[in-house]
């Protein structure tokens, strides 16, 4: 399924949105433009429903539910909602609490006496609900010590999982920390069964789905098999590939196995607002009995995340499985609700690594929708425009600096840029490849450290540490740790080639960013250097991107203006380029770099 204009036209066609007042038309057009731009680059397929003041203002479908059968997504399409399941499970639990069949303070030892017997009496149902249990045992995630299991396509019984995890330990005292835990919700689903006397699926149908008018929602099954969506990998790439072996639902019960539609989830949110499923006081507990997540002001509620967007409270949950991504959220102060369900991800997040977005739903798209709903403008991905398809400057070379130049070439029916220089480099990593060292003591300190690391000769390094770091940099233990780090780099990134300083920021205290270039990966270390030019700390540079792509295709977006699709090139950042005969301007986010035409 090669990318072509006709494919993208098909992808962006969907159901017309509901009839709306003229006052909402501009907002609808802005939201539609946002989704069409992501759909154009194959970065979104799925369904969207947005409401404001209890009126649906945008509802549309994009892409295919089944490419083999040429079936497009429609408003009736049923998706795996992944971890949005937890929000529904939490409501099911709270209904049992209302009915007096459970308490939030009940320890899980009442239900699983042989599971973690030394600790289970300390873990309550509330701890499971807001991810504060501290349990090492987990599904879909493993920690640094290897604790946890990855779900498989073959079934597993709950008793088998209990046996595997029975001797697990605690990471922290329950109620004192946060650690996202899928296994906790599998425990909750089984507690629901014991407390209600019904299978989890039957109980959820009776206690949650029917009262909320969720006619096309079911646990571990599809109410209408003809309306199911199939999961796909390759989001944002040239081709989507169907997942042949999805995870078995026995691993996911209570945590990620419910299937639903955007309409049903909207009905669910409305039912919570109107007190149909739970009493208002109980609903408030969903959002009020929280555990701090440790990131900004984010808190984990009972099956929900409580956050801030644009200064307003944002209550939501996200879901991610191989081939599925989902988001359901509300902004109570503005009476806004947003539901997005997608049947595609870039990769299988359980087994594959990728530098770019696995799904654009949970970050970029949601943030931009909220900004639009609050009357703010957003950048959208630029669509192709034929105005720039007849460039006059083919084979021009543009020089950025003494080590980096780029040549514009014609290839087939389009144009490409190919990097040239003393060492291989990529447009996507020019920000990190260029030399930013200064003739000052902070640069000298950083260069000494970089030489010490790359040559594994640490003699004299302690001189460059402040009082706290001097003991570390001059000790056998400290040097052993630095050598261990370097050996780990070599093991995972291949042969070392060179280093450079690419950014220095700060006034009295400077953060100096060093980039070490290896065969397959570039690794960044940031040194914090105090006013006396001594190292006072060091940490890994997580913002650093790696790319060895030397040639990229250009998408014309206007006269002499081009777009470079970073996601399609290994998950890199998107770039824009403006080209004239004498100058090429590379635009990387808020940064611009000018290359001067240097002739043949």
Protein backbone atom coordinates (compact mmCIF):
# COMPACT_ATOMS: atom_id res chain seq x y z
CA UNK A 1 0.00 0.00 0.00
CA UNK A 2 2.39 2.66 -1.23
CA UNK A 3 1.70 6.21 -0.17
CA UNK A 4 -0.02 8.17 -2.89
CA UNK A 5 -2.37 11.11 -2.98
CA UNK A 6 -5.36 8.90 -3.73
CA UNK A 7 -4.65 6.84 -0.60
CA UNK A 8 -4.58 9.90 1.59
CA UNK A 9 -7.75 11.26 0.04
CA UNK A 10 -9.40 7.99 1.01
CA UNK A 11 -7.96 8.17 4.50
CA UNK A 12 -9.34 11.61 5.26
CA UNK A 13 -12.86 10.90 4.04
CA UNK A 14 -15.30 10.00 6.81
CA UNK A 15 -18.72 10.65 8.15
CA UNK A 16 -19.90 14.22 8.10
CA UNK A 17 -20.06 15.77 11.53
CA UNK A 18 -23.44 16.34 13.16
CA UNK A 19 -25.35 19.46 12.27
CA UNK A 20 -24.01 22.41 14.16
CA UNK A 21 -24.77 26.07 14.70
CA UNK A 22 -22.91 28.63 12.63
CA UNK A 23 -21.06 29.78 15.77
CA UNK A 24 -19.33 26.39 15.94
CA UNK A 25 -18.53 26.16 12.23
CA UNK A 26 -15.14 27.86 12.46
CA UNK A 27 -14.16 25.64 15.39
CA UNK A 28 -15.33 22.57 13.49
CA UNK A 29 -13.25 23.58 10.46
CA UNK A 30 -10.17 24.09 12.63
CA UNK A 31 -10.55 20.67 14.27
CA UNK A 32 -11.22 19.08 10.90
CA UNK A 33 -8.10 20.70 9.44
CA UNK A 34 -6.06 19.31 12.32
CA UNK A 35 -7.26 15.75 11.81
CA UNK A 36 -7.04 15.91 8.02
CA UNK A 37 -3.40 16.98 8.30
CA UNK A 38 -2.55 14.03 10.58
CA UNK A 39 -4.55 11.70 8.39
CA UNK A 40 -2.81 12.99 5.26
CA UNK A 41 0.54 11.82 6.62
CA UNK A 42 -1.00 8.55 7.81
CA UNK A 43 -0.52 9.63 11.43
CA UNK A 44 -4.11 9.05 12.46
CA UNK A 45 -6.80 6.54 11.62
CA UNK A 46 -9.81 6.04 13.83
CA UNK A 47 -12.81 7.86 15.27
CA UNK A 48 -13.22 11.20 17.04
CA UNK A 49 -16.08 12.63 19.10
CA UNK A 50 -15.94 16.03 20.77
CA UNK A 51 -18.69 17.74 22.76
CA UNK A 52 -19.12 21.14 24.31
CA UNK A 53 -21.98 22.17 26.59
CA UNK A 54 -23.54 18.72 26.17
CA UNK A 55 -23.73 19.05 22.39
CA UNK A 56 -21.61 16.97 19.99
CA UNK A 57 -19.71 19.55 17.94
CA UNK A 58 -17.41 17.20 16.02
CA UNK A 59 -17.76 13.54 15.08
CA UNK A 60 -15.82 11.96 12.25
CA UNK A 61 -14.13 8.76 11.11
CA UNK A 62 -10.80 8.36 9.35
CA UNK A 63 -9.11 5.48 7.59
CA UNK A 64 -9.97 1.82 7.53
CA UNK A 65 -11.33 -0.65 10.04
CA UNK A 66 -10.18 -3.45 7.74
CA UNK A 67 -7.92 -2.77 4.77
CA UNK A 68 -8.26 -6.33 3.46
CA UNK A 69 -12.02 -5.95 3.24
CA UNK A 70 -11.81 -2.28 2.19
CA UNK A 71 -14.04 -1.37 5.14
CA UNK A 72 -13.72 2.18 6.36
CA UNK A 73 -14.16 3.27 9.92
CA UNK A 74 -17.64 4.62 10.67
CA UNK A 75 -19.30 6.02 13.77
CA UNK A 76 -20.37 2.42 14.57
CA UNK A 77 -16.82 1.04 14.48
CA UNK A 78 -15.81 -0.84 17.61
CA UNK A 79 -12.26 -0.47 18.93
CA UNK A 80 -10.23 -2.00 21.68
CA UNK A 81 -10.11 0.85 24.16
CA UNK A 82 -6.97 -0.54 25.87
CA UNK A 83 -6.38 1.06 29.28
CA UNK A 84 -9.57 3.14 29.14
CA UNK A 85 -10.88 -0.20 30.44
CA UNK A 86 -9.46 0.79 33.84
CA UNK A 87 -11.81 3.78 34.09
CA UNK A 88 -14.79 1.49 33.51
CA UNK A 89 -13.46 -1.15 35.93
CA UNK A 90 -13.04 1.54 38.59
CA UNK A 91 -16.67 2.56 38.16
CA UNK A 92 -17.68 -1.10 38.49
CA UNK A 93 -15.74 -1.34 41.75
CA UNK A 94 -17.27 1.86 43.12
CA UNK A 95 -20.76 0.55 42.35
CA UNK A 96 -20.01 -2.42 44.59
CA UNK A 97 -18.77 0.02 47.26
CA UNK A 98 -22.04 1.94 47.01
CA UNK A 99 -23.97 -1.31 47.34
CA UNK A 100 -22.05 -2.22 50.50
CA UNK A 101 -20.34 -5.26 48.98
CA UNK A 102 -16.83 -3.76 49.15
CA UNK A 103 -14.94 -1.05 50.96
CA UNK A 104 -11.99 0.89 49.62
CA UNK A 105 -10.08 0.02 52.79
CA UNK A 106 -10.53 -3.73 52.37
CA UNK A 107 -7.10 -5.43 52.14
CA UNK A 108 -6.54 -7.73 49.17
CA UNK A 109 -5.48 -10.50 51.57
CA UNK A 110 -9.22 -11.00 52.14
CA UNK A 111 -9.48 -12.25 48.55
CA UNK A 112 -6.02 -13.64 47.80
CA UNK A 113 -4.57 -14.97 51.09
CA UNK A 114 -1.73 -16.85 49.37
CA UNK A 115 -0.63 -13.94 47.16
CA UNK A 116 2.27 -11.94 48.63
CA UNK A 117 1.28 -13.15 52.14
CA UNK A 118 3.86 -10.95 53.88
CA UNK A 119 2.47 -7.77 52.30
CA UNK A 120 -1.06 -8.28 50.97
CA UNK A 121 -2.71 -7.25 54.22
CA UNK A 122 -1.17 -3.78 53.73
CA UNK A 123 -2.56 -3.33 50.20
CA UNK A 124 -6.13 -2.06 49.89
CA UNK A 125 -8.56 -1.86 47.01
CA UNK A 126 -7.99 1.89 46.88
CA UNK A 127 -4.25 1.32 46.45
CA UNK A 128 -4.95 -0.88 43.41
CA UNK A 129 -7.32 1.70 41.94
CA UNK A 130 -4.94 4.67 42.12
CA UNK A 131 -1.73 2.75 41.34
CA UNK A 132 -0.24 3.25 44.80
CA UNK A 133 0.01 -0.42 45.80
CA UNK A 134 3.78 -0.65 45.27
CA UNK A 135 3.45 -4.22 43.94
CA UNK A 136 6.46 -5.43 41.93
CA UNK A 137 4.25 -7.83 39.97
CA UNK A 138 3.06 -6.23 36.75
CA UNK A 139 1.85 -7.04 33.24
CA UNK A 140 2.97 -5.25 30.09
CA UNK A 141 5.80 -3.55 31.97
CA UNK A 142 9.04 -4.78 33.48
CA UNK A 143 11.21 -2.80 35.87
CA UNK A 144 14.99 -2.51 35.95
CA UNK A 145 15.20 -5.70 37.99
CA UNK A 146 13.17 -7.71 35.48
CA UNK A 147 10.00 -7.86 37.59
CA UNK A 148 6.86 -8.21 35.50
CA UNK A 149 5.58 -10.24 32.56
CA UNK A 150 4.77 -9.28 28.98
CA UNK A 151 1.33 -10.48 27.78
CA UNK A 152 1.20 -13.05 25.00
CA UNK A 153 -1.22 -14.19 22.30
CA UNK A 154 -1.71 -17.51 24.13
CA UNK A 155 -4.13 -17.61 27.10
CA UNK A 156 -3.17 -17.78 30.73
CA UNK A 157 -5.31 -18.46 33.80
CA UNK A 158 -5.57 -16.11 36.76
CA UNK A 159 -4.36 -18.87 39.07
CA UNK A 160 -1.24 -19.29 36.92
CA UNK A 161 -0.50 -15.59 37.24
CA UNK A 162 -1.04 -15.65 40.99
CA UNK A 163 1.40 -18.53 41.23
CA UNK A 164 4.01 -16.71 39.13
CA UNK A 165 3.71 -13.56 41.24
CA UNK A 166 2.98 -15.02 44.69
CA UNK A 167 6.45 -14.24 46.07
CA UNK A 168 6.58 -10.66 44.74
CA UNK A 169 7.84 -7.87 46.96
CA UNK A 170 6.87 -4.22 47.44
CA UNK A 171 8.70 -1.35 45.74
CA UNK A 172 7.42 1.05 48.40
CA UNK A 173 4.97 1.12 51.28
CA UNK A 174 1.41 1.07 49.87
CA UNK A 175 -0.12 4.55 49.67
CA UNK A 176 3.23 6.35 49.71
CA UNK A 177 4.16 6.32 46.01
CA UNK A 178 2.95 5.83 42.45
CA UNK A 179 3.73 3.03 40.00
CA UNK A 180 1.41 2.27 37.07
CA UNK A 181 0.26 -1.32 37.46
CA UNK A 182 -1.83 -3.36 35.03
CA UNK A 183 -1.79 -6.47 37.23
CA UNK A 184 -3.53 -4.48 39.96
CA UNK A 185 -6.54 -4.08 37.69
CA UNK A 186 -6.58 -7.79 36.89
CA UNK A 187 -6.77 -8.33 40.66
CA UNK A 188 -9.66 -5.81 40.78
CA UNK A 189 -11.56 -7.64 38.03
CA UNK A 190 -11.32 -10.85 40.05
CA UNK A 191 -12.37 -9.03 43.23
CA UNK A 192 -15.44 -7.82 41.29
CA UNK A 193 -16.26 -11.44 40.46
CA UNK A 194 -15.94 -12.58 44.07
CA UNK A 195 -17.89 -9.65 45.50
CA UNK A 196 -20.68 -9.70 42.91
CA UNK A 197 -20.95 -13.44 42.37
CA UNK A 198 -20.91 -12.86 38.60
CA UNK A 199 -18.30 -13.14 35.86
CA UNK A 200 -16.58 -9.80 35.31
CA UNK A 201 -18.05 -9.41 31.80
CA UNK A 202 -21.62 -10.05 33.01
CA UNK A 203 -21.29 -7.73 35.98
CA UNK A 204 -19.90 -4.87 33.88
CA UNK A 205 -22.73 -5.30 31.37
CA UNK A 206 -25.36 -5.15 34.10
CA UNK A 207 -23.82 -2.51 36.40
CA UNK A 208 -22.13 -0.14 33.94
CA UNK A 209 -22.83 -0.70 30.25
CA UNK A 210 -26.65 -1.00 30.33
CA UNK A 211 -27.31 1.91 32.71
CA UNK A 212 -25.03 4.13 30.60
CA UNK A 213 -26.68 3.10 27.31
CA UNK A 214 -23.44 1.56 26.02
CA UNK A 215 -25.06 -0.77 23.50
CA UNK A 216 -21.89 -1.64 21.59
CA UNK A 217 -19.53 -2.18 24.52
CA UNK A 218 -18.40 -5.56 25.81
CA UNK A 219 -15.61 -7.21 27.75
CA UNK A 220 -13.28 -9.44 25.68
CA UNK A 221 -15.76 -9.65 22.79
CA UNK A 222 -17.49 -7.59 20.10
CA UNK A 223 -21.22 -6.92 20.24
CA UNK A 224 -21.21 -6.74 16.42
CA UNK A 225 -18.33 -8.59 14.80
CA UNK A 226 -18.97 -6.81 11.49
CA UNK A 227 -18.20 -3.47 13.13
CA UNK A 228 -14.89 -4.48 14.75
CA UNK A 229 -11.70 -2.66 13.83
CA UNK A 230 -8.49 -4.57 13.25
CA UNK A 231 -5.19 -3.39 14.78
CA UNK A 232 -2.44 -2.07 12.51
CA UNK A 233 1.25 -1.22 12.88
CA UNK A 234 3.17 1.32 10.79
CA UNK A 235 1.31 4.50 11.77
CA UNK A 236 2.89 7.44 9.97
CA UNK A 237 4.79 5.20 7.56
CA UNK A 238 4.26 4.32 3.91
CA UNK A 239 2.32 1.19 4.75
CA UNK A 240 0.07 -0.13 7.49
CA UNK A 241 0.43 -3.79 8.39
CA UNK A 242 -2.30 -5.76 10.18
CA UNK A 243 -1.39 -7.30 13.52
CA UNK A 244 -1.76 -11.04 13.01
CA UNK A 245 -1.50 -12.14 16.64
CA UNK A 246 -3.11 -9.73 19.11
CA UNK A 247 -2.68 -10.30 22.85
CA UNK A 248 -5.01 -12.80 24.49
CA UNK A 249 -7.62 -11.09 26.64
CA UNK A 250 -6.95 -13.40 29.62
CA UNK A 251 -3.88 -11.26 30.34
CA UNK A 252 -5.85 -8.03 30.18
CA UNK A 253 -9.14 -8.50 32.08
CA UNK A 254 -10.07 -5.39 34.00
CA UNK A 255 -7.08 -3.51 32.67
CA UNK A 256 -7.29 -3.38 28.86
CA UNK A 257 -9.75 -5.86 27.31
CA UNK A 258 -12.97 -3.87 26.78
CA UNK A 259 -14.14 -2.96 23.26
CA UNK A 260 -16.32 0.09 22.65
CA UNK A 261 -17.24 3.01 20.39
CA UNK A 262 -16.82 6.77 20.69
CA UNK A 263 -20.60 7.16 21.09
CA UNK A 264 -20.74 4.63 23.93
CA UNK A 265 -17.85 6.28 25.77
CA UNK A 266 -19.56 9.66 25.38
CA UNK A 267 -22.69 8.11 26.90
CA UNK A 268 -20.52 6.77 29.71
CA UNK A 269 -19.10 10.22 30.52
CA UNK A 270 -22.57 11.75 30.36
CA UNK A 271 -23.93 9.05 32.67
CA UNK A 272 -21.22 9.85 35.23
CA UNK A 273 -22.06 13.57 35.04
CA UNK A 274 -25.77 12.90 35.51
CA UNK A 275 -25.41 10.46 38.41
CA UNK A 276 -26.92 7.57 36.43
CA UNK A 277 -24.32 4.90 37.26
CA UNK A 278 -22.96 6.28 40.53
CA UNK A 279 -24.07 8.89 43.02
CA UNK A 280 -22.35 12.30 42.56
CA UNK A 281 -20.49 11.90 45.86
CA UNK A 282 -19.07 8.58 44.64
CA UNK A 283 -18.08 10.09 41.30
CA UNK A 284 -16.19 12.77 43.20
CA UNK A 285 -14.16 10.03 44.91
CA UNK A 286 -13.04 8.78 41.48
CA UNK A 287 -11.29 12.11 40.96
CA UNK A 288 -10.55 13.03 44.57
CA UNK A 289 -8.92 9.95 46.15
CA UNK A 290 -5.61 10.52 44.42
CA UNK A 291 -1.94 9.65 44.57
CA UNK A 292 0.68 12.13 43.32
CA UNK A 293 2.32 10.80 40.15
CA UNK A 294 5.48 12.84 40.60
CA UNK A 295 5.28 14.72 37.29
CA UNK A 296 4.24 18.36 37.60
CA UNK A 297 0.85 18.44 39.33
CA UNK A 298 -0.45 15.19 37.84
CA UNK A 299 -2.37 12.85 40.14
CA UNK A 300 -3.68 9.33 39.75
CA UNK A 301 -7.32 9.03 40.71
CA UNK A 302 -9.40 5.87 40.81
CA UNK A 303 -8.97 4.80 37.19
CA UNK A 304 -8.38 8.36 36.00
CA UNK A 305 -5.58 10.93 35.74
CA UNK A 306 -6.17 14.43 37.05
CA UNK A 307 -4.04 17.03 35.31
CA UNK A 308 -4.00 20.64 34.12
CA UNK A 309 -4.33 21.80 30.50
CA UNK A 310 -4.10 25.47 29.65
CA UNK A 311 -4.69 26.27 33.34
CA UNK A 312 -7.89 24.20 33.56
CA UNK A 313 -8.50 20.87 35.28
CA UNK A 314 -8.31 17.99 32.78
CA UNK A 315 -9.63 14.58 33.86
CA UNK A 316 -8.69 11.80 31.47
CA UNK A 317 -7.27 8.38 30.75
CA UNK A 318 -5.13 7.04 27.91
CA UNK A 319 -4.87 3.58 26.41
CA UNK A 320 -2.18 1.87 24.37
CA UNK A 321 -1.92 -1.67 23.00
CA UNK A 322 -0.16 -2.96 19.90
CA UNK A 323 -2.28 -1.52 17.09
CA UNK A 324 -4.67 0.46 19.31
CA UNK A 325 -4.51 3.86 21.01
CA UNK A 326 -7.23 5.70 22.88
CA UNK A 327 -7.97 8.82 24.91
CA UNK A 328 -11.07 9.87 26.87
CA UNK A 329 -11.10 13.13 28.79
CA UNK A 330 -13.21 15.96 30.12
CA UNK A 331 -12.65 19.56 31.18
CA UNK A 332 -15.44 20.17 33.72
CA UNK A 333 -15.03 23.95 33.93
CA UNK A 334 -15.68 24.31 30.19
CA UNK A 335 -18.05 21.32 29.87
CA UNK A 336 -15.78 19.82 27.21
CA UNK A 337 -15.43 16.12 26.43
CA UNK A 338 -12.99 14.56 23.96
CA UNK A 339 -12.92 10.90 22.90
CA UNK A 340 -10.43 9.52 20.37
CA UNK A 341 -10.12 5.86 19.39
CA UNK A 342 -7.49 4.64 16.92
CA UNK A 343 -6.70 1.25 15.42
CA UNK A 344 -3.06 1.91 14.53
CA UNK A 345 0.25 2.46 16.29
CA UNK A 346 3.72 3.01 14.84
CA UNK A 347 5.15 -0.15 16.39
CA UNK A 348 4.35 -2.93 18.80
CA UNK A 349 5.21 -1.07 22.04
CA UNK A 350 5.72 -4.33 23.94
CA UNK A 351 8.66 -5.53 21.84
CA UNK A 352 9.91 -2.77 19.52
CA UNK A 353 11.81 0.44 20.15
CA UNK A 354 11.23 3.63 18.19
CA UNK A 355 12.48 7.19 18.58
CA UNK A 356 9.22 8.80 17.46
CA UNK A 357 5.61 8.78 18.60
CA UNK A 358 3.99 5.37 19.02
CA UNK A 359 0.65 7.13 18.64
CA UNK A 360 -0.05 10.82 18.15
CA UNK A 361 -3.37 10.55 19.98
CA UNK A 362 -2.10 10.86 23.53
CA UNK A 363 0.12 13.92 23.17
CA UNK A 364 0.14 16.13 20.11
CA UNK A 365 -3.41 15.64 18.90
CA UNK A 366 -5.08 15.90 22.31
CA UNK A 367 -3.09 19.00 23.28
CA UNK A 368 -3.92 20.72 20.01
CA UNK A 369 -7.62 19.90 20.27
CA UNK A 370 -7.80 21.39 23.76
CA UNK A 371 -6.03 24.55 22.57
CA UNK A 372 -8.52 24.91 19.72
CA UNK A 373 -11.48 24.34 22.04
CA UNK A 374 -10.14 27.12 24.29
CA UNK A 375 -9.89 29.54 21.37
CA UNK A 376 -6.18 29.29 20.71
CA UNK A 377 -4.44 28.69 17.40
CA UNK A 378 -2.24 25.66 16.74
CA UNK A 379 0.22 24.57 14.09
CA UNK A 380 -1.02 21.84 11.80
CA UNK A 381 1.01 19.61 9.52
CA UNK A 382 1.38 21.30 6.12
CA UNK A 383 -0.32 19.58 3.20
CA UNK A 384 1.36 19.11 -0.18
CA UNK A 385 1.17 22.06 -2.55
CA UNK A 386 2.38 21.93 -6.16
CA UNK A 387 3.69 25.50 -6.18
CA UNK A 388 7.21 24.37 -5.30
CA UNK A 389 7.47 21.48 -7.72
CA UNK A 390 9.56 23.31 -10.36
CA UNK A 391 12.68 24.40 -8.54
CA UNK A 392 15.40 26.14 -10.54
CA UNK A 393 18.22 25.37 -8.11
CA UNK A 394 18.85 21.66 -8.68
CA UNK A 395 22.40 20.55 -7.83
CA UNK A 396 23.07 23.64 -5.75
CA UNK A 397 25.19 23.03 -2.67
CA UNK A 398 24.50 25.00 0.51
CA UNK A 399 27.12 25.39 3.27
CA UNK A 400 26.00 25.59 6.91
CA UNK A 401 29.48 25.66 8.41
CA UNK A 402 32.95 24.32 7.64
CA UNK A 403 31.89 20.73 8.41
CA UNK A 404 28.32 20.60 7.14
CA UNK A 405 26.94 21.22 3.67
CA UNK A 406 23.95 19.90 1.76
CA UNK A 407 23.14 19.34 -1.91
CA UNK A 408 19.73 19.73 -3.55
CA UNK A 409 19.01 17.05 -6.16
CA UNK A 410 16.19 16.00 -8.47
CA UNK A 411 15.13 12.36 -8.02
CA UNK A 412 12.26 10.93 -10.05
CA UNK A 413 9.34 13.36 -9.84
CA UNK A 414 10.58 15.01 -6.67
CA UNK A 415 13.52 16.57 -4.87
CA UNK A 416 15.89 15.31 -2.21
CA UNK A 417 18.48 16.86 0.07
CA UNK A 418 21.70 14.94 0.66
CA UNK A 419 24.20 15.85 3.35
CA UNK A 420 27.93 16.28 2.68
CA UNK A 421 30.84 16.96 4.99
CA UNK A 422 34.00 15.68 6.63
CA UNK A 423 31.98 13.22 8.71
CA UNK A 424 28.57 11.67 7.98
CA UNK A 425 25.71 13.72 9.41
CA UNK A 426 21.94 14.03 9.18
CA UNK A 427 19.62 17.00 8.80
CA UNK A 428 17.62 15.61 11.71
CA UNK A 429 20.61 15.83 14.04
CA UNK A 430 22.24 19.04 12.79
CA UNK A 431 21.16 20.80 15.97
CA UNK A 432 23.29 18.27 17.85
CA UNK A 433 26.12 17.88 15.34
CA UNK A 434 27.20 21.49 14.98
CA UNK A 435 30.04 22.80 17.11
CA UNK A 436 28.87 25.13 19.87
CA UNK A 437 31.95 25.16 22.07
CA UNK A 438 33.17 28.52 23.26
CA UNK A 439 36.60 29.80 24.23
CA UNK A 440 35.86 29.89 27.92
CA UNK A 441 36.66 27.80 31.01
CA UNK A 442 33.30 25.96 30.93
CA UNK A 443 34.07 24.59 27.46
CA UNK A 444 37.59 23.67 28.54
CA UNK A 445 36.21 21.70 31.50
CA UNK A 446 33.70 19.88 29.29
CA UNK A 447 36.33 19.05 26.66
CA UNK A 448 38.67 17.65 29.32
CA UNK A 449 35.85 15.44 30.62
CA UNK A 450 34.89 14.30 27.09
CA UNK A 451 38.51 13.42 26.29
CA UNK A 452 38.83 11.56 29.59
CA UNK A 453 35.73 9.51 28.83
CA UNK A 454 36.49 8.79 25.18
CA UNK A 455 40.15 7.88 25.85
CA UNK A 456 39.34 6.21 29.18
CA UNK A 457 42.20 8.14 30.78
CA UNK A 458 40.95 9.87 33.92
CA UNK A 459 44.23 11.28 35.22
CA UNK A 460 43.68 14.85 36.39
CA UNK A 461 39.88 14.71 36.06
CA UNK A 462 39.31 15.22 39.78
CA UNK A 463 40.80 18.73 39.43
CA UNK A 464 37.73 19.68 37.38
CA UNK A 465 35.22 18.62 40.07
CA UNK A 466 33.82 20.83 42.82
CA UNK A 467 34.15 19.75 46.45
CA UNK A 468 31.37 17.17 46.16
CA UNK A 469 32.37 15.80 42.76
CA UNK A 470 36.13 15.81 43.40
CA UNK A 471 35.86 12.80 45.70
CA UNK A 472 33.85 10.90 43.12
CA UNK A 473 35.98 11.79 40.07
CA UNK A 474 39.20 10.96 41.92
CA UNK A 475 38.09 7.73 43.59
CA UNK A 476 38.49 4.16 42.38
CA UNK A 477 34.76 3.66 42.79
CA UNK A 478 33.91 6.74 40.75
CA UNK A 479 36.33 5.92 37.94
CA UNK A 480 35.02 2.36 37.92
CA UNK A 481 31.49 3.68 37.40
CA UNK A 482 32.60 5.92 34.52
CA UNK A 483 34.44 3.02 32.90
CA UNK A 484 31.37 0.85 33.32
CA UNK A 485 29.22 3.50 31.64
CA UNK A 486 31.61 3.69 28.70
CA UNK A 487 31.77 -0.08 28.28
CA UNK A 488 27.97 -0.14 28.27
CA UNK A 489 27.94 2.54 25.53
CA UNK A 490 30.36 0.50 23.43
CA UNK A 491 28.35 -2.66 23.94
CA UNK A 492 25.08 -1.10 22.80
CA UNK A 493 26.21 1.59 20.35
CA UNK A 494 29.28 0.12 18.64
CA UNK A 495 32.65 1.75 17.97
CA UNK A 496 33.24 5.31 19.22
CA UNK A 497 34.08 7.92 16.54
CA UNK A 498 34.09 11.47 17.90
CA UNK A 499 32.41 13.96 20.21
CA UNK A 500 31.27 17.55 20.09
CA UNK A 501 29.73 20.18 22.34
CA UNK A 502 26.41 21.20 20.78
CA UNK A 503 24.83 23.49 23.38
CA UNK A 504 25.89 25.64 26.32
CA UNK A 505 23.16 27.27 28.36
CA UNK A 506 22.96 29.22 31.60
CA UNK A 507 24.64 32.25 33.14
CA UNK A 508 26.79 31.63 36.22
CA UNK A 509 25.99 27.91 36.32
CA UNK A 510 26.27 26.46 32.81
CA UNK A 511 24.83 23.25 31.43
CA UNK A 512 27.19 21.99 28.75
CA UNK A 513 25.74 19.37 26.39
CA UNK A 514 28.27 16.85 25.00
CA UNK A 515 27.39 14.45 22.19
CA UNK A 516 29.38 11.24 21.76
CA UNK A 517 29.12 9.70 18.27
CA UNK A 518 29.11 5.89 18.01
CA UNK A 519 28.40 3.47 15.15
CA UNK A 520 24.66 3.16 15.67
CA UNK A 521 23.69 5.59 18.41
CA UNK A 522 24.78 9.01 19.59
CA UNK A 523 24.81 9.43 23.37
CA UNK A 524 24.54 12.71 25.24
CA UNK A 525 25.87 13.72 28.63
CA UNK A 526 25.17 17.09 30.24
CA UNK A 527 27.68 18.58 32.66
CA UNK A 528 26.53 21.14 35.19
CA UNK A 529 29.49 23.51 35.66
CA UNK A 530 29.48 26.06 38.47
CA UNK A 531 30.79 29.62 38.58
CA UNK A 532 34.28 28.34 39.44
CA UNK A 533 34.22 26.24 36.23
CA UNK A 534 34.05 23.01 38.20
CA UNK A 535 31.76 20.06 37.50
CA UNK A 536 29.00 20.00 40.11
CA UNK A 537 26.88 17.27 38.50
CA UNK A 538 26.30 15.20 35.38
CA UNK A 539 23.30 13.48 33.85
CA UNK A 540 22.22 11.74 30.64
CA UNK A 541 20.84 13.95 27.89
CA UNK A 542 17.44 12.42 27.18
CA UNK A 543 16.46 15.11 24.66
CA UNK A 544 19.20 14.10 22.25
CA UNK A 545 18.07 12.44 19.01
CA UNK A 546 20.06 10.07 16.85
CA UNK A 547 19.88 9.83 13.08
CA UNK A 548 22.24 8.55 10.44
CA UNK A 549 19.94 9.36 7.53
CA UNK A 550 21.91 11.37 4.98
CA UNK A 551 19.26 11.77 2.26
CA UNK A 552 15.67 12.95 2.70
CA UNK A 553 12.75 13.57 0.37
CA UNK A 554 11.06 16.95 0.15
CA UNK A 555 7.31 17.53 0.17
CA UNK A 556 6.40 20.76 -1.59
CA UNK A 557 4.13 22.92 0.61
CA UNK A 558 4.39 26.21 -1.30
CA UNK A 559 6.63 28.22 -3.55
CA UNK A 560 10.21 27.35 -2.53
CA UNK A 561 8.88 25.89 0.74
CA UNK A 562 9.19 22.22 1.70
CA UNK A 563 8.32 19.79 4.47
CA UNK A 564 10.49 16.87 5.64
CA UNK A 565 8.55 14.05 7.26
CA UNK A 566 10.62 13.12 10.31
CA UNK A 567 8.32 10.42 11.63
CA UNK A 568 8.68 8.50 8.39
CA UNK A 569 12.46 8.73 8.76
CA UNK A 570 12.95 6.73 11.92
CA UNK A 571 10.74 8.80 14.20
CA UNK A 572 12.73 12.00 13.88
CA UNK A 573 11.36 15.51 14.32
CA UNK A 574 9.62 17.18 11.39
CA UNK A 575 11.62 19.83 9.54
CA UNK A 576 10.78 22.63 7.12
CA UNK A 577 13.02 24.06 4.43
CA UNK A 578 12.93 27.33 2.51
CA UNK A 579 15.09 27.34 -0.63
CA UNK A 580 16.32 30.13 -2.87
CA UNK A 581 19.22 30.25 -5.26
CA UNK A 582 21.52 31.81 -2.68
CA UNK A 583 20.23 30.36 0.58
CA UNK A 584 18.69 27.29 2.17
CA UNK A 585 17.00 27.80 5.55
CA UNK A 586 16.54 24.68 7.69
CA UNK A 587 13.77 25.13 10.27
CA UNK A 588 13.84 22.76 13.25
CA UNK A 589 11.01 23.78 15.56
CA UNK A 590 11.87 27.26 16.83
CA UNK A 591 15.45 27.08 15.51
CA UNK A 592 16.54 28.17 12.02
CA UNK A 593 19.88 27.46 10.36
CA UNK A 594 21.06 29.22 7.22
CA UNK A 595 23.07 27.51 4.52
CA UNK A 596 24.72 29.72 1.90
CA UNK A 597 24.90 28.65 -1.74
CA UNK A 598 28.47 27.65 -2.56
CA UNK A 599 28.20 26.74 -6.27
CA UNK A 600 29.39 23.58 -7.96
